[in-house]
Amino acid sequence: MYKRADMFRTKDFILMDVCNTKGRKIGFVKDIIIDFHDGEVKGFVISSYKIFQSTICVLKEDIVSFNKSMVISKCNNNKYLKFSDIKNMDIVNKSGDIIGMMEDILFHEFSFKIHGVIVSTGFIKNLISGKRVFLLKNMILGEESILCFNDVSKIDLISIPHKLFTEVGNHEKNI
């Protein structure tokens, strides 16, 4: 039987404690390292508990385990593209119209492949009709915005707000 794979969001890792294999606390997850072109999460940016130490990076290959906290084997000081660099970037369609702003990413729990991008369309519109979810394969990262060349004839994914904020229609069931 096929087991459903769970997806993670960036908020599942932010502020997660990080320790080394000897059990010493190193810091906490501050950001996520992504490769937009390959469509995967490469690792995490760790903010150190030490006052004068700068942020460090850990690649996913160096993660021993994670649950409520992350255990790592080694880290580095290299520079990578972070999720915070593209968060709140405008998402534009082929016509140049702004669809919304990049809010979060959805990635696979084991392979760390990015499958979707959560786009906020505005506070009120998010409450009424939900946030939109686009597939990463339909997007190109630019310097100032992200181009979404999603085909309108295909299925559009949305994150529907809680039932408390929506009316019960014919397609929904009362519980």
Foldseek 3Di string as FASTA:
>chain_A
DDDDFAKDKFVVAFQQWEEEPVGHTFAGFHWWFDDLVQQFTQWTWGQGPDDPDGIWTDGPVQWPDDDSHTYGHDIGRDDGDTPVQQFQFFEAEPVRDTQATFHIWIATPPRRGTFWTWGDRDDVCCLEANIWIDGSVQWDDDNRHIYGHDDPVDDTGGDHDDCVSYDADPVDDDD
